[in-house]
PDB file of N, CA and C in Angstrom:
ATOM      1  N   UNK A   1       0.846  -1.163   0.000  1.00  0.00           N
ATOM      2  CA  UNK A   1       0.000   0.000   0.000  1.00  0.00           C
ATOM      3  C   UNK A   1       0.895   1.230   0.000  1.00  0.00           C
ATOM      4  N   UNK A   2       0.562   2.204  -0.797  1.00  0.00           N
ATOM      5  CA  UNK A   2       1.280   3.476  -0.806  1.00  0.00           C
ATOM      6  C   UNK A   2       0.274   4.593  -0.623  1.00  0.00           C
ATOM      7  N   UNK A   3       0.747   5.705  -0.092  1.00  0.00           N
ATOM      8  CA  UNK A   3      -0.136   6.836   0.126  1.00  0.00           C
ATOM      9  C   UNK A   3       0.462   7.809   1.108  1.00  0.00           C
ATOM     10  N   UNK A   4      -0.429   8.562   1.759  1.00  0.00           N
ATOM     11  CA  UNK A   4      -0.009   9.577   2.716  1.00  0.00           C
ATOM     12  C   UNK A   4      -0.697   9.327   4.050  1.00  0.00           C
ATOM     13  N   UNK A   5       0.034   9.593   5.129  1.00  0.00           N
ATOM     14  CA  UNK A   5      -0.490   9.487   6.480  1.00  0.00           C
ATOM     15  C   UNK A   5      -0.569  10.894   7.048  1.00  0.00           C
ATOM     16  N   UNK A   6      -1.709  11.216   7.646  1.00  0.00           N
ATOM     17  CA  UNK A   6      -1.876  12.523   8.275  1.00  0.00           C
ATOM     18  C   UNK A   6      -2.133  12.295   9.764  1.00  0.00           C
ATOM     19  N   UNK A   7      -1.285  12.907  10.599  1.00  0.00           N
ATOM     20  CA  UNK A   7      -1.398  12.802  12.049  1.00  0.00           C
ATOM     21  C   UNK A   7      -1.715  14.194  12.598  1.00  0.00           C
ATOM     22  N   UNK A   8      -2.731  14.289  13.448  1.00  0.00           N
ATOM     23  CA  UNK A   8      -3.121  15.541  14.096  1.00  0.00           C
ATOM     24  C   UNK A   8      -3.288  15.307  15.585  1.00  0.00           C
ATOM     25  N   UNK A   9      -3.372  16.396  16.308  1.00  0.00           N
ATOM     26  CA  UNK A   9      -3.677  16.326  17.732  1.00  0.00           C
ATOM     27  C   UNK A   9      -5.029  16.988  17.932  1.00  0.00           C
ATOM     28  N   UNK A  10      -5.994  16.225  18.464  1.00  0.00           N
ATOM     29  CA  UNK A  10      -7.339  16.735  18.722  1.00  0.00           C
ATOM     30  C   UNK A  10      -7.710  16.407  20.155  1.00  0.00           C
ATOM     31  N   UNK A  11      -8.120  17.454  20.872  1.00  0.00           N
ATOM     32  CA  UNK A  11      -8.521  17.301  22.262  1.00  0.00           C
ATOM     33  C   UNK A  11      -7.444  16.603  23.085  1.00  0.00           C
ATOM     34  N   UNK A  12      -6.173  16.955  22.829  1.00  0.00           N
ATOM     35  CA  UNK A  12      -5.052  16.412  23.572  1.00  0.00           C
ATOM     36  C   UNK A  12      -4.661  14.996  23.212  1.00  0.00           C
ATOM     37  N   UNK A  13      -5.232  14.467  22.146  1.00  0.00           N
ATOM     38  CA  UNK A  13      -5.002  13.080  21.755  1.00  0.00           C
ATOM     39  C   UNK A  13      -4.564  13.019  20.289  1.00  0.00           C
ATOM     40  N   UNK A  14      -3.618  12.124  19.977  1.00  0.00           N
ATOM     41  CA  UNK A  14      -3.188  11.954  18.587  1.00  0.00           C
ATOM     42  C   UNK A  14      -4.229  11.145  17.811  1.00  0.00           C
ATOM     43  N   UNK A  15      -4.535  11.604  16.613  1.00  0.00           N
ATOM     44  CA  UNK A  15      -5.442  10.911  15.703  1.00  0.00           C
ATOM     45  C   UNK A  15      -4.802  10.912  14.333  1.00  0.00           C
ATOM     46  N   UNK A  16      -5.216   9.996  13.476  1.00  0.00           N
ATOM     47  CA  UNK A  16      -4.608   9.959  12.159  1.00  0.00           C
ATOM     48  C   UNK A  16      -5.449   9.254  11.123  1.00  0.00           C
ATOM     49  N   UNK A  17      -5.121   9.542   9.886  1.00  0.00           N
ATOM     50  CA  UNK A  17      -5.761   8.912   8.741  1.00  0.00           C
ATOM     51  C   UNK A  17      -4.697   8.568   7.716  1.00  0.00           C
ATOM     52  N   UNK A  18      -5.002   7.582   6.891  1.00  0.00           N
ATOM     53  CA  UNK A  18      -4.140   7.253   5.774  1.00  0.00           C
ATOM     54  C   UNK A  18      -4.961   7.420   4.502  1.00  0.00           C
ATOM     55  N   UNK A  19      -4.362   8.079   3.519  1.00  0.00           N
ATOM     56  CA  UNK A  19      -4.981   8.305   2.221  1.00  0.00           C
ATOM     57  C   UNK A  19      -4.186   7.496   1.209  1.00  0.00           C
ATOM     58  N   UNK A  20      -4.774   6.439   0.683  1.00  0.00           N
ATOM     59  CA  UNK A  20      -4.037   5.570  -0.231  1.00  0.00           C
ATOM     60  C   UNK A  20      -3.977   6.186  -1.622  1.00  0.00           C
ATOM     61  N   UNK A  21      -3.000   5.763  -2.393  1.00  0.00           N
ATOM     62  CA  UNK A  21      -2.882   6.219  -3.776  1.00  0.00           C
ATOM     63  C   UNK A  21      -4.017   5.678  -4.642  1.00  0.00           C
ATOM     64  N   UNK A  22      -4.767   4.694  -4.117  1.00  0.00           N
ATOM     65  CA  UNK A  22      -5.916   4.138  -4.833  1.00  0.00           C
ATOM     66  C   UNK A  22      -7.201   4.904  -4.522  1.00  0.00           C
ATOM     67  N   UNK A  23      -7.116   5.966  -3.679  1.00  0.00           N
ATOM     68  CA  UNK A  23      -8.262   6.810  -3.392  1.00  0.00           C
ATOM     69  C   UNK A  23      -9.052   6.431  -2.152  1.00  0.00           C
ATOM     70  N   UNK A  24      -8.569   5.477  -1.375  1.00  0.00           N
ATOM     71  CA  UNK A  24      -9.265   5.086  -0.156  1.00  0.00           C
ATOM     72  C   UNK A  24      -8.734   5.890   1.034  1.00  0.00           C
ATOM     73  N   UNK A  25      -9.597   6.094   2.040  1.00  0.00           N
ATOM     74  CA  UNK A  25      -9.211   6.768   3.270  1.00  0.00           C
ATOM     75  C   UNK A  25      -9.564   5.862   4.441  1.00  0.00           C
ATOM     76  N   UNK A  26      -8.597   5.659   5.341  1.00  0.00           N
ATOM     77  CA  UNK A  26      -8.804   4.845   6.532  1.00  0.00           C
ATOM     78  C   UNK A  26      -8.385   5.654   7.753  1.00  0.00           C
ATOM     79  N   UNK A  27      -9.113   5.483   8.851  1.00  0.00           N
ATOM     80  CA  UNK A  27      -8.808   6.164  10.104  1.00  0.00           C
ATOM     81  C   UNK A  27      -8.103   5.200  11.046  1.00  0.00           C
ATOM     82  N   UNK A  28      -6.997   5.655  11.628  1.00  0.00           N
ATOM     83  CA  UNK A  28      -6.296   4.838  12.610  1.00  0.00           C
ATOM     84  C   UNK A  28      -7.148   4.733  13.861  1.00  0.00           C
ATOM     85  N   UNK A  29      -7.229   3.552  14.447  1.00  0.00           N
ATOM     86  CA  UNK A  29      -7.994   3.412  15.679  1.00  0.00           C
ATOM     87  C   UNK A  29      -7.151   3.727  16.904  1.00  0.00           C
ATOM     88  N   UNK A  30      -5.823   3.766  16.729  1.00  0.00           N
ATOM     89  CA  UNK A  30      -4.930   4.128  17.831  1.00  0.00           C
ATOM     90  C   UNK A  30      -3.690   4.786  17.248  1.00  0.00           C
ATOM     91  N   UNK A  31      -3.265   5.893  17.867  1.00  0.00           N
ATOM     92  CA  UNK A  31      -2.015   6.566  17.500  1.00  0.00           C
ATOM     93  C   UNK A  31      -1.345   6.985  18.805  1.00  0.00           C
ATOM     94  N   UNK A  32      -0.126   6.511  19.036  1.00  0.00           N
ATOM     95  CA  UNK A  32       0.599   6.830  20.267  1.00  0.00           C
ATOM     96  C   UNK A  32       2.039   7.209  19.948  1.00  0.00           C
ATOM     97  N   UNK A  33       2.497   8.296  20.545  1.00  0.00           N
ATOM     98  CA  UNK A  33       3.897   8.676  20.448  1.00  0.00           C
ATOM     99  C   UNK A  33       4.589   8.125  21.687  1.00  0.00           C
ATOM    100  N   UNK A  34       5.566   7.268  21.477  1.00  0.00           N
ATOM    101  CA  UNK A  34       6.284   6.638  22.577  1.00  0.00           C
ATOM    102  C   UNK A  34       7.660   7.276  22.726  1.00  0.00           C
ATOM    103  N   UNK A  35       8.464   6.747  23.619  1.00  0.00           N
ATOM    104  CA  UNK A  35       9.802   7.292  23.844  1.00  0.00           C
ATOM    105  C   UNK A  35      10.663   7.210  22.594  1.00  0.00           C
ATOM    106  N   UNK A  36      11.663   8.093  22.530  1.00  0.00           N
ATOM    107  CA  UNK A  36      12.659   8.097  21.455  1.00  0.00           C
ATOM    108  C   UNK A  36      12.063   8.292  20.070  1.00  0.00           C
ATOM    109  N   UNK A  37      11.007   9.137  19.971  1.00  0.00           N
ATOM    110  CA  UNK A  37      10.388   9.474  18.675  1.00  0.00           C
ATOM    111  C   UNK A  37       9.816   8.254  17.953  1.00  0.00           C
ATOM    112  N   UNK A  38       9.313   7.294  18.699  1.00  0.00           N
ATOM    113  CA  UNK A  38       8.682   6.107  18.111  1.00  0.00           C
ATOM    114  C   UNK A  38       7.174   6.327  18.071  1.00  0.00           C
ATOM    115  N   UNK A  39       6.591   6.149  16.908  1.00  0.00           N
ATOM    116  CA  UNK A  39       5.151   6.295  16.720  1.00  0.00           C
ATOM    117  C   UNK A  39       4.548   4.916  16.497  1.00  0.00           C
ATOM    118  N   UNK A  40       3.482   4.607  17.252  1.00  0.00           N
ATOM    119  CA  UNK A  40       2.788   3.325  17.128  1.00  0.00           C
ATOM    120  C   UNK A  40       1.354   3.616  16.699  1.00  0.00           C
ATOM    121  N   UNK A  41       0.880   2.875  15.691  1.00  0.00           N
ATOM    122  CA  UNK A  41      -0.482   3.071  15.195  1.00  0.00           C
ATOM    123  C   UNK A  41      -1.130   1.726  14.899  1.00  0.00           C
ATOM    124  N   UNK A  42      -2.445   1.688  15.036  1.00  0.00           N
ATOM    125  CA  UNK A  42      -3.226   0.514  14.648  1.00  0.00           C
ATOM    126  C   UNK A  42      -4.248   0.950  13.616  1.00  0.00           C
ATOM    127  N   UNK A  43      -4.346   0.170  12.549  1.00  0.00           N
ATOM    128  CA  UNK A  43      -5.255   0.478  11.450  1.00  0.00           C
ATOM    129  C   UNK A  43      -6.075  -0.751  11.109  1.00  0.00           C
ATOM    130  N   UNK A  44      -7.387  -0.595  11.134  1.00  0.00           N
ATOM    131  CA  UNK A  44      -8.297  -1.663  10.733  1.00  0.00           C
ATOM    132  C   UNK A  44      -8.985  -1.212   9.455  1.00  0.00           C
ATOM    133  N   UNK A  45      -8.701  -1.893   8.349  1.00  0.00           N
ATOM    134  CA  UNK A  45      -9.267  -1.508   7.058  1.00  0.00           C
ATOM    135  C   UNK A  45     -10.640  -2.121   6.812  1.00  0.00           C
ATOM    136  N   UNK A  46     -11.104  -2.936   7.762  1.00  0.00           N
ATOM    137  CA  UNK A  46     -12.379  -3.614   7.577  1.00  0.00           C
ATOM    138  C   UNK A  46     -12.189  -5.041   7.103  1.00  0.00           C
ATOM    139  N   UNK A  47     -11.065  -5.308   6.499  1.00  0.00           N
ATOM    140  CA  UNK A  47     -10.748  -6.660   6.053  1.00  0.00           C
ATOM    141  C   UNK A  47      -9.369  -7.100   6.504  1.00  0.00           C
ATOM    142  N   UNK A  48      -8.610  -6.167   7.098  1.00  0.00           N
ATOM    143  CA  UNK A  48      -7.259  -6.476   7.546  1.00  0.00           C
ATOM    144  C   UNK A  48      -6.860  -5.486   8.647  1.00  0.00           C
ATOM    145  N   UNK A  49      -6.111  -5.960   9.643  1.00  0.00           N
ATOM    146  CA  UNK A  49      -5.623  -5.098  10.714  1.00  0.00           C
ATOM    147  C   UNK A  49      -4.107  -4.982  10.608  1.00  0.00           C
ATOM    148  N   UNK A  50      -3.617  -3.764  10.725  1.00  0.00           N
ATOM    149  CA  UNK A  50      -2.189  -3.481  10.655  1.00  0.00           C
ATOM    150  C   UNK A  50      -1.718  -2.853  11.957  1.00  0.00           C
ATOM    151  N   UNK A  51      -0.566  -3.271  12.453  1.00  0.00           N
ATOM    152  CA  UNK A  51       0.121  -2.613  13.551  1.00  0.00           C
ATOM    153  C   UNK A  51       1.374  -1.988  12.959  1.00  0.00           C
ATOM    154  N   UNK A  52       1.499  -0.688  13.124  1.00  0.00           N
ATOM    155  CA  UNK A  52       2.573   0.066  12.480  1.00  0.00           C
ATOM    156  C   UNK A  52       3.427   0.720  13.557  1.00  0.00           C
ATOM    157  N   UNK A  53       4.723   0.506  13.499  1.00  0.00           N
ATOM    158  CA  UNK A  53       5.658   1.138  14.422  1.00  0.00           C
ATOM    159  C   UNK A  53       6.792   1.724  13.597  1.00  0.00           C
ATOM    160  N   UNK A  54       7.042   3.014  13.785  1.00  0.00           N
ATOM    161  CA  UNK A  54       8.176   3.595  13.082  1.00  0.00           C
ATOM    162  C   UNK A  54       8.850   4.660  13.928  1.00  0.00           C
ATOM    163  N   UNK A  55      10.100   4.914  13.589  1.00  0.00           N
ATOM    164  CA  UNK A  55      10.913   5.901  14.281  1.00  0.00           C
ATOM    165  C   UNK A  55      11.077   7.115  13.379  1.00  0.00           C
ATOM    166  N   UNK A  56      10.852   8.279  13.958  1.00  0.00           N
ATOM    167  CA  UNK A  56      10.989   9.533  13.224  1.00  0.00           C
ATOM    168  C   UNK A  56      12.431  10.003  13.369  1.00  0.00           C
ATOM    169  N   UNK A  57      13.073  10.253  12.232  1.00  0.00           N
ATOM    170  CA  UNK A  57      14.471  10.713  12.217  1.00  0.00           C
ATOM    171  C   UNK A  57      14.530  11.978  11.366  1.00  0.00           C
ATOM    172  N   UNK A  58      14.337  13.120  12.020  1.00  0.00           N
ATOM    173  CA  UNK A  58      14.287  14.375  11.278  1.00  0.00           C
ATOM    174  C   UNK A  58      13.041  14.415  10.420  1.00  0.00           C
ATOM    175  N   UNK A  59      13.218  14.532   9.103  1.00  0.00           N
ATOM    176  CA  UNK A  59      12.077  14.545   8.187  1.00  0.00           C
ATOM    177  C   UNK A  59      11.736  13.171   7.635  1.00  0.00           C
ATOM    178  N   UNK A  60      12.523  12.168   7.975  1.00  0.00           N
ATOM    179  CA  UNK A  60      12.281  10.815   7.461  1.00  0.00           C
ATOM    180  C   UNK A  60      11.776   9.916   8.593  1.00  0.00           C
ATOM    181  N   UNK A  61      11.149   8.832   8.205  1.00  0.00           N
ATOM    182  CA  UNK A  61      10.771   7.823   9.182  1.00  0.00           C
ATOM    183  C   UNK A  61      10.910   6.446   8.552  1.00  0.00           C
ATOM    184  N   UNK A  62      11.162   5.473   9.413  1.00  0.00           N
ATOM    185  CA  UNK A  62      11.253   4.099   8.949  1.00  0.00           C
ATOM    186  C   UNK A  62      10.796   3.182  10.068  1.00  0.00           C
ATOM    187  N   UNK A  63      10.218   2.072   9.672  1.00  0.00           N
ATOM    188  CA  UNK A  63       9.721   1.149  10.671  1.00  0.00           C
ATOM    189  C   UNK A  63       9.182  -0.121  10.048  1.00  0.00           C
ATOM    190  N   UNK A  64       8.198  -0.705  10.730  1.00  0.00           N
ATOM    191  CA  UNK A  64       7.671  -2.002  10.339  1.00  0.00           C
ATOM    192  C   UNK A  64       6.151  -1.994  10.411  1.00  0.00           C
ATOM    193  N   UNK A  65       5.548  -2.658   9.460  1.00  0.00           N
ATOM    194  CA  UNK A  65       4.106  -2.889   9.440  1.00  0.00           C
ATOM    195  C   UNK A  65       3.898  -4.383   9.631  1.00  0.00           C
ATOM    196  N   UNK A  66       3.016  -4.740  10.567  1.00  0.00           N
ATOM    197  CA  UNK A  66       2.737  -6.141  10.853  1.00  0.00           C
ATOM    198  C   UNK A  66       1.249  -6.396  10.648  1.00  0.00           C
ATOM    199  N   UNK A  67       0.942  -7.495   9.936  1.00  0.00           N
ATOM    200  CA  UNK A  67      -0.444  -7.941   9.792  1.00  0.00           C
ATOM    201  C   UNK A  67      -0.464  -9.459   9.853  1.00  0.00           C
ATOM    202  N   UNK A  68      -1.591 -10.059   9.556  1.00  0.00           N
ATOM    203  CA  UNK A  68      -1.726 -11.511   9.639  1.00  0.00           C
ATOM    204  C   UNK A  68      -0.787 -12.251   8.698  1.00  0.00           C
ATOM    205  N   UNK A  69      -0.381 -11.602   7.620  1.00  0.00           N
ATOM    206  CA  UNK A  69       0.468 -12.241   6.617  1.00  0.00           C
ATOM    207  C   UNK A  69       1.950 -12.132   6.935  1.00  0.00           C
ATOM    208  N   UNK A  70       2.313 -11.341   7.941  1.00  0.00           N
ATOM    209  CA  UNK A  70       3.714 -11.189   8.297  1.00  0.00           C
ATOM    210  C   UNK A  70       4.060  -9.740   8.549  1.00  0.00           C
ATOM    211  N   UNK A  71       5.310  -9.390   8.288  1.00  0.00           N
ATOM    212  CA  UNK A  71       5.741  -8.013   8.488  1.00  0.00           C
ATOM    213  C   UNK A  71       6.530  -7.538   7.278  1.00  0.00           C
ATOM    214  N   UNK A  72       6.524  -6.231   7.109  1.00  0.00           N
ATOM    215  CA  UNK A  72       7.277  -5.659   6.001  1.00  0.00           C
ATOM    216  C   UNK A  72       7.726  -4.258   6.393  1.00  0.00           C
ATOM    217  N   UNK A  73       8.789  -3.759   5.751  1.00  0.00           N
ATOM    218  CA  UNK A  73       9.326  -2.445   6.114  1.00  0.00           C
ATOM    219  C   UNK A  73       8.453  -1.301   5.603  1.00  0.00           C
ATOM    220  N   UNK A  74       8.531  -0.192   6.307  1.00  0.00           N
ATOM    221  CA  UNK A  74       7.799   1.015   5.908  1.00  0.00           C
ATOM    222  C   UNK A  74       8.753   2.185   6.000  1.00  0.00           C
ATOM    223  N   UNK A  75       8.805   3.003   4.982  1.00  0.00           N
ATOM    224  CA  UNK A  75       9.635   4.205   4.985  1.00  0.00           C
ATOM    225  C   UNK A  75       8.823   5.356   4.436  1.00  0.00           C
ATOM    226  N   UNK A  76       9.240   6.563   4.775  1.00  0.00           N
ATOM    227  CA  UNK A  76       8.541   7.721   4.256  1.00  0.00           C
ATOM    228  C   UNK A  76       9.258   9.004   4.629  1.00  0.00           C
ATOM    229  N   UNK A  77       8.667  10.090   4.206  1.00  0.00           N
ATOM    230  CA  UNK A  77       9.213  11.418   4.461  1.00  0.00           C
ATOM    231  C   UNK A  77       8.126  12.298   5.034  1.00  0.00           C
ATOM    232  N   UNK A  78       8.476  13.032   6.075  1.00  0.00           N
ATOM    233  CA  UNK A  78       7.558  13.944   6.749  1.00  0.00           C
ATOM    234  C   UNK A  78       7.398  15.200   5.915  1.00  0.00           C
ATOM    235  N   UNK A  79       6.154  15.595   5.678  1.00  0.00           N
ATOM    236  CA  UNK A  79       5.874  16.839   4.958  1.00  0.00           C
ATOM    237  C   UNK A  79       4.949  17.691   5.815  1.00  0.00           C
ATOM    238  N   UNK A  80       5.007  18.959   5.630  1.00  0.00           N
ATOM    239  CA  UNK A  80       4.158  19.875   6.409  1.00  0.00           C
ATOM    240  C   UNK A  80       2.826  20.066   5.728  1.00  0.00           C
TER     241      UNK A  80
END
């Protein structure tokens, strides 16, 4: 899956959505910022659940996506 992730803070809590390049939009059910700039998110697409953990390094991030089929790497760039 490719696309854009948007993270906001609403009412003191992190929330997020993913906009796929195929035109779909999904809302994360959990977004948590942990120690050492690690972001953890859970995404349920209705047919698959993903657990996403990545580390923010300046404007870039890299991490892992885990689902029922296994795990795979995730990389991206932070944009304003």
